[in-house]
């Protein structure tokens, strides 16, 4: 989906929660993530939580219109057996 050119992914940490979205600190800046397309916050979010938002960045570069949220990818290291 991200390869289609019309969908972006941003990852960061939630710094503020609002009824229709949240503020995400990412890559040295903050972005307002608008969740109104999904009817507002649709999953449990907490300040300090890492999240990935999928959607489109507004031309002003300050608002991200999310169509989906995902947990960040977790890298798992193989467990060394003694």
PDB file of N, CA and C in Angstrom:
ATOM      1  N   UNK A   1       0.820  -1.183   0.000  1.00  0.00           N
ATOM      2  CA  UNK A   1       0.000   0.000   0.000  1.00  0.00           C
ATOM      3  C   UNK A   1       0.868   1.252   0.000  1.00  0.00           C
ATOM      4  N   UNK A   2       1.937   1.283   0.775  1.00  0.00           N
ATOM      5  CA  UNK A   2       2.802   2.454   0.814  1.00  0.00           C
ATOM      6  C   UNK A   2       3.482   2.692  -0.522  1.00  0.00           C
ATOM      7  N   UNK A   3       3.627   1.661  -1.333  1.00  0.00           N
ATOM      8  CA  UNK A   3       4.261   1.802  -2.626  1.00  0.00           C
ATOM      9  C   UNK A   3       3.375   2.448  -3.666  1.00  0.00           C
ATOM     10  N   UNK A   4       2.106   2.619  -3.368  1.00  0.00           N
ATOM     11  CA  UNK A   4       1.172   3.206  -4.321  1.00  0.00           C
ATOM     12  C   UNK A   4       1.419   4.692  -4.519  1.00  0.00           C
ATOM     13  N   UNK A   5       2.174   5.322  -3.617  1.00  0.00           N
ATOM     14  CA  UNK A   5       2.487   6.727  -3.770  1.00  0.00           C
ATOM     15  C   UNK A   5       1.463   7.667  -3.173  1.00  0.00           C
ATOM     16  N   UNK A   6       0.303   7.155  -2.777  1.00  0.00           N
ATOM     17  CA  UNK A   6      -0.721   8.026  -2.218  1.00  0.00           C
ATOM     18  C   UNK A   6      -0.938   7.797  -0.732  1.00  0.00           C
ATOM     19  N   UNK A   7      -0.135   6.953  -0.127  1.00  0.00           N
ATOM     20  CA  UNK A   7      -0.263   6.658   1.293  1.00  0.00           C
ATOM     21  C   UNK A   7       1.103   6.808   1.953  1.00  0.00           C
ATOM     22  N   UNK A   8       1.122   7.471   3.108  1.00  0.00           N
ATOM     23  CA  UNK A   8       2.356   7.666   3.856  1.00  0.00           C
ATOM     24  C   UNK A   8       2.274   6.914   5.175  1.00  0.00           C
ATOM     25  N   UNK A   9       3.436   6.674   5.766  1.00  0.00           N
ATOM     26  CA  UNK A   9       3.534   6.070   7.095  1.00  0.00           C
ATOM     27  C   UNK A   9       4.426   6.966   7.938  1.00  0.00           C
ATOM     28  N   UNK A  10       3.958   7.285   9.125  1.00  0.00           N
ATOM     29  CA  UNK A  10       4.809   8.016  10.055  1.00  0.00           C
ATOM     30  C   UNK A  10       4.820   7.255  11.375  1.00  0.00           C
ATOM     31  N   UNK A  11       5.968   7.258  12.016  1.00  0.00           N
ATOM     32  CA  UNK A  11       6.106   6.572  13.292  1.00  0.00           C
ATOM     33  C   UNK A  11       6.639   7.547  14.316  1.00  0.00           C
ATOM     34  N   UNK A  12       6.125   7.455  15.515  1.00  0.00           N
ATOM     35  CA  UNK A  12       6.588   8.328  16.567  1.00  0.00           C
ATOM     36  C   UNK A  12       5.977   7.961  17.897  1.00  0.00           C
ATOM     37  N   UNK A  13       6.006   8.937  18.803  1.00  0.00           N
ATOM     38  CA  UNK A  13       5.505   8.741  20.161  1.00  0.00           C
ATOM     39  C   UNK A  13       4.377   9.732  20.420  1.00  0.00           C
ATOM     40  N   UNK A  14       3.284   9.245  20.983  1.00  0.00           N
ATOM     41  CA  UNK A  14       2.129  10.080  21.308  1.00  0.00           C
ATOM     42  C   UNK A  14       2.501  11.034  22.437  1.00  0.00           C
ATOM     43  N   UNK A  15       2.288  12.342  22.211  1.00  0.00           N
ATOM     44  CA  UNK A  15       2.585  13.335  23.247  1.00  0.00           C
ATOM     45  C   UNK A  15       1.335  14.002  23.805  1.00  0.00           C
ATOM     46  N   UNK A  16       0.252  14.018  23.042  1.00  0.00           N
ATOM     47  CA  UNK A  16      -1.021  14.594  23.488  1.00  0.00           C
ATOM     48  C   UNK A  16      -2.154  13.787  22.875  1.00  0.00           C
ATOM     49  N   UNK A  17      -3.267  13.674  23.609  1.00  0.00           N
ATOM     50  CA  UNK A  17      -4.457  12.990  23.111  1.00  0.00           C
ATOM     51  C   UNK A  17      -5.607  13.982  23.000  1.00  0.00           C
ATOM     52  N   UNK A  18      -6.370  13.881  21.906  1.00  0.00           N
ATOM     53  CA  UNK A  18      -7.531  14.727  21.670  1.00  0.00           C
ATOM     54  C   UNK A  18      -8.671  13.825  21.191  1.00  0.00           C
ATOM     55  N   UNK A  19      -9.935  14.258  21.301  1.00  0.00           N
ATOM     56  CA  UNK A  19     -11.050  13.399  20.891  1.00  0.00           C
ATOM     57  C   UNK A  19     -10.986  12.932  19.429  1.00  0.00           C
ATOM     58  N   UNK A  20     -10.501  13.770  18.535  1.00  0.00           N
ATOM     59  CA  UNK A  20     -10.464  13.411  17.116  1.00  0.00           C
ATOM     60  C   UNK A  20      -9.054  13.129  16.610  1.00  0.00           C
ATOM     61  N   UNK A  21      -8.102  12.969  17.521  1.00  0.00           N
ATOM     62  CA  UNK A  21      -6.745  12.699  17.081  1.00  0.00           C
ATOM     63  C   UNK A  21      -5.745  12.798  18.205  1.00  0.00           C
ATOM     64  N   UNK A  22      -4.484  12.945  17.830  1.00  0.00           N
ATOM     65  CA  UNK A  22      -3.415  13.041  18.811  1.00  0.00           C
ATOM     66  C   UNK A  22      -2.214  13.729  18.189  1.00  0.00           C
ATOM     67  N   UNK A  23      -1.264  14.101  19.035  1.00  0.00           N
ATOM     68  CA  UNK A  23      -0.034  14.718  18.571  1.00  0.00           C
ATOM     69  C   UNK A  23       1.055  13.657  18.636  1.00  0.00           C
ATOM     70  N   UNK A  24       1.797  13.533  17.556  1.00  0.00           N
ATOM     71  CA  UNK A  24       2.838  12.528  17.425  1.00  0.00           C
ATOM     72  C   UNK A  24       4.185  13.225  17.275  1.00  0.00           C
ATOM     73  N   UNK A  25       5.132  12.898  18.144  1.00  0.00           N
ATOM     74  CA  UNK A  25       6.498  13.420  18.032  1.00  0.00           C
ATOM     75  C   UNK A  25       7.268  12.445  17.159  1.00  0.00           C
ATOM     76  N   UNK A  26       7.756  12.942  16.020  1.00  0.00           N
ATOM     77  CA  UNK A  26       8.443  12.082  15.071  1.00  0.00           C
ATOM     78  C   UNK A  26       9.535  12.854  14.347  1.00  0.00           C
ATOM     79  N   UNK A  27      10.668  12.240  14.167  1.00  0.00           N
ATOM     80  CA  UNK A  27      11.769  12.808  13.379  1.00  0.00           C
ATOM     81  C   UNK A  27      12.082  14.262  13.726  1.00  0.00           C
ATOM     82  N   UNK A  28      12.144  14.570  15.008  1.00  0.00           N
ATOM     83  CA  UNK A  28      12.505  15.915  15.427  1.00  0.00           C
ATOM     84  C   UNK A  28      11.414  16.961  15.280  1.00  0.00           C
ATOM     85  N   UNK A  29      10.196  16.545  15.011  1.00  0.00           N
ATOM     86  CA  UNK A  29       9.093  17.497  14.895  1.00  0.00           C
ATOM     87  C   UNK A  29       7.822  16.861  15.439  1.00  0.00           C
ATOM     88  N   UNK A  30       6.789  17.655  15.576  1.00  0.00           N
ATOM     89  CA  UNK A  30       5.502  17.112  16.003  1.00  0.00           C
ATOM     90  C   UNK A  30       4.496  17.267  14.870  1.00  0.00           C
ATOM     91  N   UNK A  31       3.603  16.305  14.783  1.00  0.00           N
ATOM     92  CA  UNK A  31       2.575  16.285  13.751  1.00  0.00           C
ATOM     93  C   UNK A  31       1.245  15.996  14.435  1.00  0.00           C
ATOM     94  N   UNK A  32       0.215  16.732  14.060  1.00  0.00           N
ATOM     95  CA  UNK A  32      -1.128  16.453  14.549  1.00  0.00           C
ATOM     96  C   UNK A  32      -1.704  15.335  13.676  1.00  0.00           C
ATOM     97  N   UNK A  33      -2.076  14.239  14.295  1.00  0.00           N
ATOM     98  CA  UNK A  33      -2.665  13.117  13.565  1.00  0.00           C
ATOM     99  C   UNK A  33      -4.175  13.222  13.698  1.00  0.00           C
ATOM    100  N   UNK A  34      -4.829  13.476  12.569  1.00  0.00           N
ATOM    101  CA  UNK A  34      -6.280  13.642  12.507  1.00  0.00           C
ATOM    102  C   UNK A  34      -6.914  12.269  12.288  1.00  0.00           C
ATOM    103  N   UNK A  35      -7.735  11.842  13.234  1.00  0.00           N
ATOM    104  CA  UNK A  35      -8.399  10.539  13.145  1.00  0.00           C
ATOM    105  C   UNK A  35      -9.877  10.673  12.788  1.00  0.00           C
ATOM    106  N   UNK A  36     -10.307  11.855  12.345  1.00  0.00           N
ATOM    107  CA  UNK A  36     -11.729  12.068  12.088  1.00  0.00           C
ATOM    108  C   UNK A  36     -12.274  11.154  10.994  1.00  0.00           C
ATOM    109  N   UNK A  37     -11.437  10.706  10.063  1.00  0.00           N
ATOM    110  CA  UNK A  37     -11.897   9.777   9.020  1.00  0.00           C
ATOM    111  C   UNK A  37     -12.322   8.437   9.620  1.00  0.00           C
ATOM    112  N   UNK A  38     -11.824   8.150  10.827  1.00  0.00           N
ATOM    113  CA  UNK A  38     -12.180   6.905  11.512  1.00  0.00           C
ATOM    114  C   UNK A  38     -13.156   7.147  12.650  1.00  0.00           C
ATOM    115  N   UNK A  39     -13.686   8.352  12.740  1.00  0.00           N
ATOM    116  CA  UNK A  39     -14.616   8.677  13.810  1.00  0.00           C
ATOM    117  C   UNK A  39     -13.914   9.012  15.115  1.00  0.00           C
ATOM    118  N   UNK A  40     -12.665   9.411  15.043  1.00  0.00           N
ATOM    119  CA  UNK A  40     -11.904   9.757  16.248  1.00  0.00           C
ATOM    120  C   UNK A  40     -11.026   8.595  16.682  1.00  0.00           C
ATOM    121  N   UNK A  41     -10.538   8.670  17.901  1.00  0.00           N
ATOM    122  CA  UNK A  41      -9.652   7.641  18.427  1.00  0.00           C
ATOM    123  C   UNK A  41     -10.407   6.314  18.475  1.00  0.00           C
ATOM    124  N   UNK A  42      -9.848   5.287  17.842  1.00  0.00           N
ATOM    125  CA  UNK A  42     -10.537   4.008  17.744  1.00  0.00           C
ATOM    126  C   UNK A  42      -9.827   2.882  18.477  1.00  0.00           C
ATOM    127  N   UNK A  43      -8.715   3.197  19.137  1.00  0.00           N
ATOM    128  CA  UNK A  43      -8.017   2.189  19.916  1.00  0.00           C
ATOM    129  C   UNK A  43      -7.429   2.858  21.147  1.00  0.00           C
ATOM    130  N   UNK A  44      -7.087   2.077  22.137  1.00  0.00           N
ATOM    131  CA  UNK A  44      -6.519   2.634  23.356  1.00  0.00           C
ATOM    132  C   UNK A  44      -5.139   3.204  23.056  1.00  0.00           C
ATOM    133  N   UNK A  45      -4.978   4.482  23.302  1.00  0.00           N
ATOM    134  CA  UNK A  45      -3.690   5.146  23.140  1.00  0.00           C
ATOM    135  C   UNK A  45      -3.327   5.801  24.457  1.00  0.00           C
ATOM    136  N   UNK A  46      -2.045   5.935  24.703  1.00  0.00           N
ATOM    137  CA  UNK A  46      -1.570   6.582  25.920  1.00  0.00           C
ATOM    138  C   UNK A  46      -0.393   7.481  25.582  1.00  0.00           C
ATOM    139  N   UNK A  47      -0.227   8.539  26.352  1.00  0.00           N
ATOM    140  CA  UNK A  47       0.948   9.391  26.180  1.00  0.00           C
ATOM    141  C   UNK A  47       2.196   8.547  26.367  1.00  0.00           C
ATOM    142  N   UNK A  48       3.187   8.775  25.501  1.00  0.00           N
ATOM    143  CA  UNK A  48       4.429   8.020  25.572  1.00  0.00           C
ATOM    144  C   UNK A  48       4.424   6.736  24.768  1.00  0.00           C
ATOM    145  N   UNK A  49       3.282   6.379  24.194  1.00  0.00           N
ATOM    146  CA  UNK A  49       3.158   5.153  23.409  1.00  0.00           C
ATOM    147  C   UNK A  49       3.704   5.356  22.000  1.00  0.00           C
ATOM    148  N   UNK A  50       4.477   4.391  21.517  1.00  0.00           N
ATOM    149  CA  UNK A  50       4.952   4.414  20.135  1.00  0.00           C
ATOM    150  C   UNK A  50       3.843   3.891  19.233  1.00  0.00           C
ATOM    151  N   UNK A  51       3.664   4.530  18.077  1.00  0.00           N
ATOM    152  CA  UNK A  51       2.603   4.146  17.145  1.00  0.00           C
ATOM    153  C   UNK A  51       3.018   4.482  15.724  1.00  0.00           C
ATOM    154  N   UNK A  52       2.443   3.772  14.761  1.00  0.00           N
ATOM    155  CA  UNK A  52       2.619   4.063  13.344  1.00  0.00           C
ATOM    156  C   UNK A  52       1.264   4.489  12.800  1.00  0.00           C
ATOM    157  N   UNK A  53       1.216   5.649  12.152  1.00  0.00           N
ATOM    158  CA  UNK A  53      -0.009   6.129  11.524  1.00  0.00           C
ATOM    159  C   UNK A  53       0.145   5.992  10.013  1.00  0.00           C
ATOM    160  N   UNK A  54      -0.920   5.530   9.360  1.00  0.00           N
ATOM    161  CA  UNK A  54      -0.927   5.340   7.921  1.00  0.00           C
ATOM    162  C   UNK A  54      -2.013   6.229   7.351  1.00  0.00           C
ATOM    163  N   UNK A  55      -1.645   7.031   6.346  1.00  0.00           N
ATOM    164  CA  UNK A  55      -2.593   7.956   5.744  1.00  0.00           C
ATOM    165  C   UNK A  55      -1.876   8.929   4.838  1.00  0.00           C
ATOM    166  N   UNK A  56      -2.286  10.192   4.891  1.00  0.00           N
ATOM    167  CA  UNK A  56      -1.666  11.203   4.029  1.00  0.00           C
ATOM    168  C   UNK A  56      -1.319  12.457   4.828  1.00  0.00           C
ATOM    169  N   UNK A  57      -0.187  13.038   4.491  1.00  0.00           N
ATOM    170  CA  UNK A  57       0.263  14.273   5.115  1.00  0.00           C
ATOM    171  C   UNK A  57      -0.344  15.454   4.365  1.00  0.00           C
ATOM    172  N   UNK A  58      -0.936  16.380   5.113  1.00  0.00           N
ATOM    173  CA  UNK A  58      -1.520  17.567   4.503  1.00  0.00           C
ATOM    174  C   UNK A  58      -0.418  18.429   3.887  1.00  0.00           C
ATOM    175  N   UNK A  59      -0.748  19.247   2.893  1.00  0.00           N
ATOM    176  CA  UNK A  59       0.255  20.105   2.253  1.00  0.00           C
ATOM    177  C   UNK A  59       1.014  21.012   3.224  1.00  0.00           C
ATOM    178  N   UNK A  60       0.386  21.371   4.357  1.00  0.00           N
ATOM    179  CA  UNK A  60       1.076  22.234   5.322  1.00  0.00           C
ATOM    180  C   UNK A  60       2.165  21.481   6.092  1.00  0.00           C
ATOM    181  N   UNK A  61       2.195  20.156   5.982  1.00  0.00           N
ATOM    182  CA  UNK A  61       3.211  19.348   6.650  1.00  0.00           C
ATOM    183  C   UNK A  61       3.030  19.230   8.151  1.00  0.00           C
ATOM    184  N   UNK A  62       1.933  19.757   8.685  1.00  0.00           N
ATOM    185  CA  UNK A  62       1.717  19.738  10.128  1.00  0.00           C
ATOM    186  C   UNK A  62       0.572  18.835  10.555  1.00  0.00           C
ATOM    187  N   UNK A  63      -0.268  18.425   9.617  1.00  0.00           N
ATOM    188  CA  UNK A  63      -1.409  17.567   9.925  1.00  0.00           C
ATOM    189  C   UNK A  63      -1.329  16.303   9.083  1.00  0.00           C
ATOM    190  N   UNK A  64      -1.507  15.162   9.734  1.00  0.00           N
ATOM    191  CA  UNK A  64      -1.483  13.872   9.064  1.00  0.00           C
ATOM    192  C   UNK A  64      -2.874  13.275   9.181  1.00  0.00           C
ATOM    193  N   UNK A  65      -3.506  12.991   8.050  1.00  0.00           N
ATOM    194  CA  UNK A  65      -4.859  12.429   8.037  1.00  0.00           C
ATOM    195  C   UNK A  65      -4.744  10.908   8.001  1.00  0.00           C
ATOM    196  N   UNK A  66      -4.941  10.283   9.155  1.00  0.00           N
ATOM    197  CA  UNK A  66      -4.744   8.840   9.286  1.00  0.00           C
ATOM    198  C   UNK A  66      -5.978   8.064   8.853  1.00  0.00           C
ATOM    199  N   UNK A  67      -5.720   6.946   8.198  1.00  0.00           N
ATOM    200  CA  UNK A  67      -6.790   6.011   7.851  1.00  0.00           C
ATOM    201  C   UNK A  67      -6.633   4.706   8.626  1.00  0.00           C
ATOM    202  N   UNK A  68      -5.472   4.547   9.267  1.00  0.00           N
ATOM    203  CA  UNK A  68      -5.226   3.340  10.054  1.00  0.00           C
ATOM    204  C   UNK A  68      -4.063   3.585  11.012  1.00  0.00           C
ATOM    205  N   UNK A  69      -4.092   2.889  12.151  1.00  0.00           N
ATOM    206  CA  UNK A  69      -2.991   2.901  13.110  1.00  0.00           C
ATOM    207  C   UNK A  69      -2.460   1.486  13.260  1.00  0.00           C
ATOM    208  N   UNK A  70      -1.160   1.372  13.496  1.00  0.00           N
ATOM    209  CA  UNK A  70      -0.546   0.073  13.715  1.00  0.00           C
ATOM    210  C   UNK A  70       0.479   0.197  14.833  1.00  0.00           C
ATOM    211  N   UNK A  71       0.722  -0.895  15.543  1.00  0.00           N
ATOM    212  CA  UNK A  71       1.845  -0.863  16.481  1.00  0.00           C
ATOM    213  C   UNK A  71       3.140  -0.845  15.677  1.00  0.00           C
ATOM    214  N   UNK A  72       4.198  -0.261  16.214  1.00  0.00           N
ATOM    215  CA  UNK A  72       5.464  -0.261  15.470  1.00  0.00           C
ATOM    216  C   UNK A  72       6.004  -1.677  15.332  1.00  0.00           C
ATOM    217  N   UNK A  73       6.752  -1.907  14.268  1.00  0.00           N
ATOM    218  CA  UNK A  73       7.367  -3.221  14.061  1.00  0.00           C
ATOM    219  C   UNK A  73       8.363  -3.464  15.184  1.00  0.00           C
ATOM    220  N   UNK A  74       8.328  -4.653  15.715  1.00  0.00           N
ATOM    221  CA  UNK A  74       9.243  -5.025  16.794  1.00  0.00           C
ATOM    222  C   UNK A  74      10.264  -5.977  16.220  1.00  0.00           C
ATOM    223  N   UNK A  75      11.526  -5.589  16.341  1.00  0.00           N
ATOM    224  CA  UNK A  75      12.588  -6.468  15.872  1.00  0.00           C
ATOM    225  C   UNK A  75      12.849  -7.523  16.940  1.00  0.00           C
ATOM    226  N   UNK A  76      12.870  -8.749  16.513  1.00  0.00           N
ATOM    227  CA  UNK A  76      13.159  -9.816  17.463  1.00  0.00           C
ATOM    228  C   UNK A  76      14.494 -10.434  17.106  1.00  0.00           C
ATOM    229  N   UNK A  77      15.331 -10.564  18.097  1.00  0.00           N
ATOM    230  CA  UNK A  77      16.636 -11.173  17.915  1.00  0.00           C
ATOM    231  C   UNK A  77      16.518 -12.660  18.213  1.00  0.00           C
ATOM    232  N   UNK A  78      17.211 -13.495  17.454  1.00  0.00           N
ATOM    233  CA  UNK A  78      17.169 -14.922  17.772  1.00  0.00           C
ATOM    234  C   UNK A  78      17.731 -15.159  19.175  1.00  0.00           C
ATOM    235  N   UNK A  79      17.080 -16.036  19.877  1.00  0.00           N
ATOM    236  CA  UNK A  79      17.523 -16.346  21.231  1.00  0.00           C
ATOM    237  C   UNK A  79      18.689 -17.341  21.174  1.00  0.00           C
ATOM    238  N   UNK A  80      19.782 -16.964  21.798  1.00  0.00           N
ATOM    239  CA  UNK A  80      20.960 -17.860  21.835  1.00  0.00           C
ATOM    240  C   UNK A  80      20.720 -18.919  22.894  1.00  0.00           C
ATOM    241  N   UNK A  81      20.908 -20.166  22.528  1.00  0.00           N
ATOM    242  CA  UNK A  81      20.746 -21.252  23.478  1.00  0.00           C
ATOM    243  C   UNK A  81      22.118 -21.648  23.995  1.00  0.00           C
ATOM    244  N   UNK A  82      22.229 -21.851  25.304  1.00  0.00           N
ATOM    245  CA  UNK A  82      23.533 -22.205  25.878  1.00  0.00           C
ATOM    246  C   UNK A  82      24.018 -23.572  25.448  1.00  0.00           C
TER     247      UNK A  82
END
